[in-house]
Amino acid sequence: MVIQQVDKRLLSELEAMGFSEAQARKALHHSGNLSIEAAVNWIIDNENDAATDEMPMCLQDPVNIEIEEIDPRLISEEVKLCAQELRNRSRKKKAEEKKKFESEREKERIRVGKELLEAKEMAEERERKRFLAQRKAEKEEERRAREKIRQKLQQDKAERRVGLGLPREAVEGATSTIPATSLLQGTREDNTVTRAFRTLLIYVRNVVKNPEEGKFRKIRISNPAFQDRVGKFRDAIKFLELCGFERVEGGNFLFLPREKIDMGVLKVAGAELQNAITNPFFGLLSR
């Protein structure tokens, strides 16, 4: 198929008036290439036909149609006005179509943006729930670990109380003695024994008064002053161990961990040491 041939002069004039080549060719074809006015009238009558902008085609070989030249001044004002009106309508229609297209595109952009935002929020919510579940599991694990430590500390405290001659569980308002001080047997006349008791009492009181202070909870066994006052007595270190001190750093230090401080045990130990210092009948230290 080939493009339908029309009068080239009329075609040129219609294009100069603002019509597309397809519109002009189709109008001239259907109006018989008679005149500009006839072509414009055909366009007016068929302006709502979507096929108006399609290029007219034919099966036969193209024929160049020559029509006697018409003076442009002979084109009526009515035709010119109609052509101008058609151009205005065409521009308005294109502007409306463009506006509609932009509106639809904006709606699509908003829809896609909304979907992306919803997808992002859903992903964030899933991540938040996953984090909360993980944190909950971690807290539960921490709670179980703290409970094990608490039970172990209670067991250690109970064993120390038993070792000091106290009941496994402390009784509020009850007073007890610590038979463990009987390990430190001596007399008040023995100044070295009294000095040992006083030194032990200082260690115990320092911890009771300043439980957060690390320097009061750590004793270097090889310290000359400690050896001279306390360490030379066989059972003095055992007494401190019953109060909660532990051998650390290869057995070179005695250390009382903060979490293992038992105020009840320490206060009873201090009272028993005070009793040992002031009791004239307390026994004799063994070496």
Protein backbone atom coordinates (compact mmCIF):
# COMPACT_ATOMS: atom_id res chain seq x y z
CA MET A 1 0.00 0.00 0.00
CA VAL A 2 1.09 3.57 -0.73
CA ILE A 3 0.16 6.97 0.63
CA GLN A 4 -2.88 8.49 -1.12
CA GLN A 5 -1.75 11.27 -3.45
CA VAL A 6 -3.43 14.64 -3.18
CA ASP A 7 -2.88 18.09 -4.56
CA LYS A 8 0.44 19.20 -3.20
CA ARG A 9 -0.43 22.90 -3.24
CA LEU A 10 -3.60 22.39 -1.22
CA LEU A 11 -1.72 20.04 1.08
CA SER A 12 0.94 22.69 1.65
CA GLU A 13 -1.67 25.35 2.41
CA LEU A 14 -3.51 23.13 4.90
CA GLU A 15 -0.24 22.33 6.65
CA ALA A 16 0.52 26.04 6.74
CA MET A 17 -2.84 26.55 8.48
CA GLY A 18 -1.71 24.20 11.25
CA PHE A 19 -3.18 20.88 10.24
CA SER A 20 -1.05 17.73 10.28
CA GLU A 21 -0.04 16.12 7.01
CA ALA A 22 -2.24 13.11 7.81
CA GLN A 23 -5.27 15.32 8.52
CA ALA A 24 -4.69 17.39 5.38
CA ARG A 25 -4.21 14.38 3.10
CA LYS A 26 -7.28 12.63 4.46
CA ALA A 27 -9.40 15.78 4.20
CA LEU A 28 -8.29 16.42 0.63
CA HIS A 29 -8.82 12.78 -0.30
CA HIS A 30 -12.35 12.64 1.07
CA SER A 31 -13.30 16.09 -0.22
CA GLY A 32 -12.07 15.19 -3.71
CA ASN A 33 -9.19 17.71 -3.72
CA LEU A 34 -11.74 20.38 -4.57
CA SER A 35 -10.63 23.23 -2.36
CA ILE A 36 -9.20 24.34 0.93
CA GLU A 37 -12.71 25.18 2.15
CA ALA A 38 -14.04 21.71 1.32
CA ALA A 39 -11.09 20.08 3.09
CA VAL A 40 -11.55 22.24 6.18
CA ASN A 41 -15.27 21.49 6.25
CA TRP A 42 -14.49 17.78 6.12
CA ILE A 43 -12.08 18.11 9.05
CA ILE A 44 -14.74 20.00 11.03
CA ASP A 45 -17.32 17.33 10.35
CA ASN A 46 -14.92 14.55 11.41
CA GLU A 47 -12.92 16.19 14.19
CA ASN A 48 -13.98 13.57 16.74
CA ASP A 49 -12.90 10.67 14.52
CA ALA A 50 -9.72 9.20 16.00
CA ALA A 51 -8.70 7.96 12.56
CA THR A 52 -8.52 11.52 11.24
CA ASP A 53 -4.82 11.67 12.13
CA GLU A 54 -4.05 8.43 10.28
CA MET A 55 -2.32 8.76 6.93
CA PRO A 56 -4.73 7.79 4.07
CA MET A 57 -3.48 4.78 2.11
CA CYS A 58 -4.42 3.30 -1.25
CA LEU A 59 -3.65 0.14 -3.25
CA GLN A 60 -3.14 1.62 -6.70
CA ASP A 61 -0.07 3.35 -7.91
CA PRO A 62 0.20 6.94 -6.78
CA VAL A 63 -1.21 9.56 -9.14
CA ASN A 64 -0.12 13.15 -8.89
CA ILE A 65 -3.27 15.22 -8.94
CA GLU A 66 -2.85 18.66 -10.34
CA ILE A 67 -5.61 21.19 -9.69
CA GLU A 68 -5.75 24.66 -11.05
CA GLU A 69 -4.01 26.99 -8.69
CA ILE A 70 -6.33 28.95 -6.47
CA ASP A 71 -5.56 32.38 -5.20
CA PRO A 72 -5.20 32.16 -1.37
CA ARG A 73 -7.08 35.43 -1.15
CA LEU A 74 -10.17 33.62 -2.42
CA ILE A 75 -10.29 31.46 0.76
CA SER A 76 -13.22 32.77 2.76
CA GLU A 77 -12.81 34.27 6.18
CA GLU A 78 -15.25 31.69 7.50
CA VAL A 79 -12.93 28.91 6.42
CA LYS A 80 -9.99 30.66 8.03
CA LEU A 81 -11.93 31.10 11.25
CA CYS A 82 -12.96 27.45 11.16
CA ALA A 83 -9.35 26.44 10.62
CA GLN A 84 -8.26 28.61 13.55
CA GLU A 85 -11.01 27.15 15.72
CA LEU A 86 -9.89 23.66 14.77
CA ARG A 87 -6.31 24.49 15.69
CA ASN A 88 -7.44 25.91 19.03
CA ARG A 89 -9.53 22.83 19.71
CA SER A 90 -6.63 20.62 18.74
CA ARG A 91 -4.26 22.46 21.07
CA LYS A 92 -6.83 22.39 23.87
CA LYS A 93 -7.44 18.70 23.33
CA LYS A 94 -3.73 17.95 23.39
CA ALA A 95 -3.30 20.07 26.53
CA GLU A 96 -6.17 18.20 28.23
CA GLU A 97 -4.75 14.86 27.16
CA LYS A 98 -1.33 15.88 28.44
CA LYS A 99 -2.85 17.07 31.72
CA LYS A 100 -4.78 13.82 32.05
CA PHE A 101 -1.65 11.83 31.27
CA GLU A 102 0.34 13.76 33.87
CA SER A 103 -2.46 13.27 36.39
CA GLU A 104 -2.57 9.52 35.75
CA ARG A 105 1.21 9.34 35.96
CA GLU A 106 1.18 11.23 39.28
CA LYS A 107 -1.52 8.91 40.62
CA GLU A 108 0.59 5.93 39.57
CA ARG A 109 3.66 7.45 41.20
CA ILE A 110 1.71 8.00 44.44
CA ARG A 111 0.34 4.45 44.30
CA VAL A 112 3.78 2.94 43.76
CA GLY A 113 5.26 5.16 46.48
CA LYS A 114 2.52 4.13 48.88
CA GLU A 115 3.10 0.46 48.15
CA LEU A 116 6.85 0.87 48.65
CA LEU A 117 6.25 2.70 51.94
CA GLU A 118 3.87 -0.01 53.15
CA ALA A 119 6.36 -2.69 52.15
CA LYS A 120 9.13 -0.82 54.01
CA GLU A 121 6.95 -0.43 57.12
CA MET A 122 6.05 -4.12 57.03
CA ALA A 123 9.73 -5.06 56.73
CA GLU A 124 10.60 -2.73 59.62
CA GLU A 125 7.79 -4.20 61.73
CA ARG A 126 9.03 -7.73 61.04
CA GLU A 127 12.56 -6.67 61.97
CA ARG A 128 11.28 -5.00 65.16
CA LYS A 129 9.38 -8.12 66.19
CA ARG A 130 12.41 -10.27 65.41
CA PHE A 131 14.63 -7.98 67.51
CA LEU A 132 12.14 -8.00 70.41
CA ALA A 133 11.89 -11.79 70.28
CA GLN A 134 15.68 -12.07 70.25
CA ARG A 135 16.03 -9.57 73.09
CA LYS A 136 13.39 -11.44 75.09
CA ALA A 137 15.27 -14.69 74.60
CA GLU A 138 18.53 -13.01 75.64
CA LYS A 139 16.90 -11.55 78.75
CA GLU A 140 15.49 -14.94 79.66
CA GLU A 141 18.92 -16.48 79.21
CA GLU A 142 20.43 -13.72 81.37
CA ARG A 143 17.76 -14.31 84.01
CA ARG A 144 18.50 -18.04 84.10
CA ALA A 145 22.23 -17.31 84.35
CA ARG A 146 21.68 -14.84 87.21
CA GLU A 147 19.46 -17.35 88.97
CA LYS A 148 22.18 -20.00 88.73
CA ILE A 149 24.72 -17.55 90.12
CA ARG A 150 22.34 -16.51 92.90
CA GLN A 151 21.72 -20.12 93.87
CA LYS A 152 25.46 -20.82 93.83
CA LEU A 153 26.14 -17.78 96.02
CA GLN A 154 23.42 -18.84 98.45
CA GLN A 155 24.91 -22.31 98.57
CA ASP A 156 28.40 -20.87 99.20
CA LYS A 157 27.06 -18.60 101.93
CA ALA A 158 25.22 -21.50 103.55
CA GLU A 159 28.39 -23.60 103.50
CA ARG A 160 30.40 -20.77 105.04
CA ARG A 161 27.78 -20.34 107.75
CA VAL A 162 27.94 -24.05 108.51
CA GLY A 163 31.73 -23.83 108.60
CA LEU A 164 31.46 -20.96 111.09
CA GLY A 165 29.09 -22.97 113.26
CA LEU A 166 25.98 -21.01 112.22
CA PRO A 167 22.69 -22.44 110.95
CA ARG A 168 22.52 -22.70 107.16
CA GLU A 169 19.87 -19.94 107.04
CA ALA A 170 20.23 -16.64 108.93
CA VAL A 171 17.52 -15.93 111.50
CA GLU A 172 16.62 -12.25 111.89
CA GLY A 173 17.28 -10.96 115.40
CA ALA A 174 19.13 -14.11 116.42
CA THR A 175 22.62 -13.95 117.93
CA SER A 176 25.23 -16.59 117.33
CA THR A 177 28.78 -17.34 118.15
CA ILE A 178 31.37 -18.64 115.73
CA PRO A 179 33.03 -21.76 117.11
CA ALA A 180 35.48 -21.34 114.23
CA THR A 181 37.34 -18.82 116.39
CA SER A 182 38.14 -21.76 118.61
CA LEU A 183 40.61 -22.62 115.87
CA LEU A 184 42.55 -19.59 117.03
CA GLN A 185 43.31 -20.71 120.54
CA GLY A 186 45.28 -18.42 122.81
CA THR A 187 45.12 -16.24 125.89
CA ARG A 188 44.82 -12.52 126.41
CA GLU A 189 48.25 -12.56 127.98
CA ASP A 190 49.69 -13.69 124.65
CA ASN A 191 50.11 -10.33 122.86
CA THR A 192 50.71 -11.94 119.49
CA VAL A 193 47.37 -13.75 119.74
CA THR A 194 45.53 -10.61 120.77
CA ARG A 195 47.20 -8.71 117.97
CA ALA A 196 46.11 -11.39 115.49
CA PHE A 197 42.52 -11.13 116.67
CA ARG A 198 42.63 -7.33 116.44
CA THR A 199 44.09 -7.48 112.92
CA LEU A 200 41.43 -9.94 111.79
CA LEU A 201 38.78 -7.69 113.32
CA ILE A 202 40.15 -4.75 111.33
CA TYR A 203 39.91 -6.76 108.07
CA VAL A 204 36.32 -7.75 108.83
CA ARG A 205 35.22 -4.27 109.90
CA ASN A 206 36.77 -2.63 106.83
CA VAL A 207 34.75 -4.86 104.52
CA VAL A 208 31.52 -4.30 106.49
CA LYS A 209 31.97 -0.52 106.41
CA ASN A 210 33.27 -0.28 102.84
CA PRO A 211 31.94 -3.25 100.85
CA GLU A 212 32.52 -1.46 97.52
CA GLU A 213 36.16 -0.69 98.24
CA GLY A 214 38.31 -3.31 96.54
CA LYS A 215 41.46 -2.62 98.54
CA PHE A 216 39.73 -3.82 101.73
CA ARG A 217 38.74 -7.09 100.07
CA LYS A 218 42.20 -8.14 98.84
CA ILE A 219 45.13 -9.25 101.06
CA ARG A 220 48.60 -10.20 99.85
CA ILE A 221 49.54 -13.27 101.89
CA SER A 222 53.29 -12.66 101.53
CA ASN A 223 52.97 -9.14 102.95
CA PRO A 224 55.42 -9.00 105.89
CA ALA A 225 52.99 -7.18 108.18
CA PHE A 226 50.25 -9.73 107.40
CA GLN A 227 52.62 -12.63 108.03
CA ASP A 228 53.87 -11.12 111.28
CA ARG A 229 50.41 -10.38 112.63
CA VAL A 230 48.15 -13.05 111.13
CA GLY A 231 49.71 -15.30 108.53
CA LYS A 232 52.04 -17.12 110.93
CA PHE A 233 49.05 -18.64 112.69
CA ARG A 234 47.97 -21.82 110.98
CA ASP A 235 44.22 -21.28 111.22
CA ALA A 236 44.03 -17.51 110.69
CA ILE A 237 43.80 -17.82 106.90
CA LYS A 238 41.21 -20.56 107.29
CA PHE A 239 39.17 -18.17 109.42
CA LEU A 240 39.29 -15.53 106.66
CA GLU A 241 38.24 -18.16 104.12
CA LEU A 242 35.24 -19.01 106.29
CA CYS A 243 34.38 -15.30 106.15
CA GLY A 244 34.28 -15.52 102.33
CA PHE A 245 37.85 -14.76 101.25
CA GLU A 246 39.23 -16.94 98.47
CA ARG A 247 42.79 -17.73 97.38
CA VAL A 248 43.50 -16.15 93.99
CA GLU A 249 46.41 -15.48 91.66
CA GLY A 250 48.16 -18.73 92.36
CA GLY A 251 47.32 -18.63 96.07
CA ASN A 252 49.32 -15.43 96.62
CA PHE A 253 46.32 -13.32 97.56
CA LEU A 254 43.13 -13.62 99.59
CA PHE A 255 40.20 -11.95 97.84
CA LEU A 256 36.55 -11.48 98.84
CA PRO A 257 34.37 -10.97 95.71
CA ARG A 258 31.78 -8.22 96.10
CA GLU A 259 28.91 -10.52 95.18
CA LYS A 260 29.96 -13.05 97.84
CA ILE A 261 29.93 -10.64 100.76
CA ASP A 262 27.61 -11.96 103.47
CA MET A 263 27.08 -9.15 105.97
CA GLY A 264 25.47 -11.52 108.46
CA VAL A 265 28.50 -13.80 108.49
CA LEU A 266 30.94 -10.88 108.71
CA LYS A 267 29.08 -9.22 111.59
CA VAL A 268 28.93 -12.47 113.54
CA ALA A 269 32.63 -13.04 112.79
CA GLY A 270 33.43 -9.53 114.08
CA ALA A 271 31.40 -10.11 117.23
CA GLU A 272 33.17 -13.41 117.84
CA LEU A 273 36.57 -11.81 117.33
CA GLN A 274 35.64 -9.05 119.77
CA ASN A 275 34.58 -11.72 122.24
CA ALA A 276 37.85 -13.56 121.75
CA ILE A 277 39.78 -10.35 122.46
CA THR A 278 37.85 -9.47 125.64
CA ASN A 279 37.18 -12.99 127.01
CA PRO A 280 39.89 -13.88 129.53
CA PHE A 281 39.07 -17.56 129.29
CA PHE A 282 39.55 -17.89 125.55
CA GLY A 283 41.94 -20.75 124.70
CA LEU A 284 45.48 -20.84 123.32
CA LEU A 285 46.53 -20.30 119.68
CA SER A 286 48.04 -23.34 118.06
CA ARG A 287 50.91 -22.90 115.64
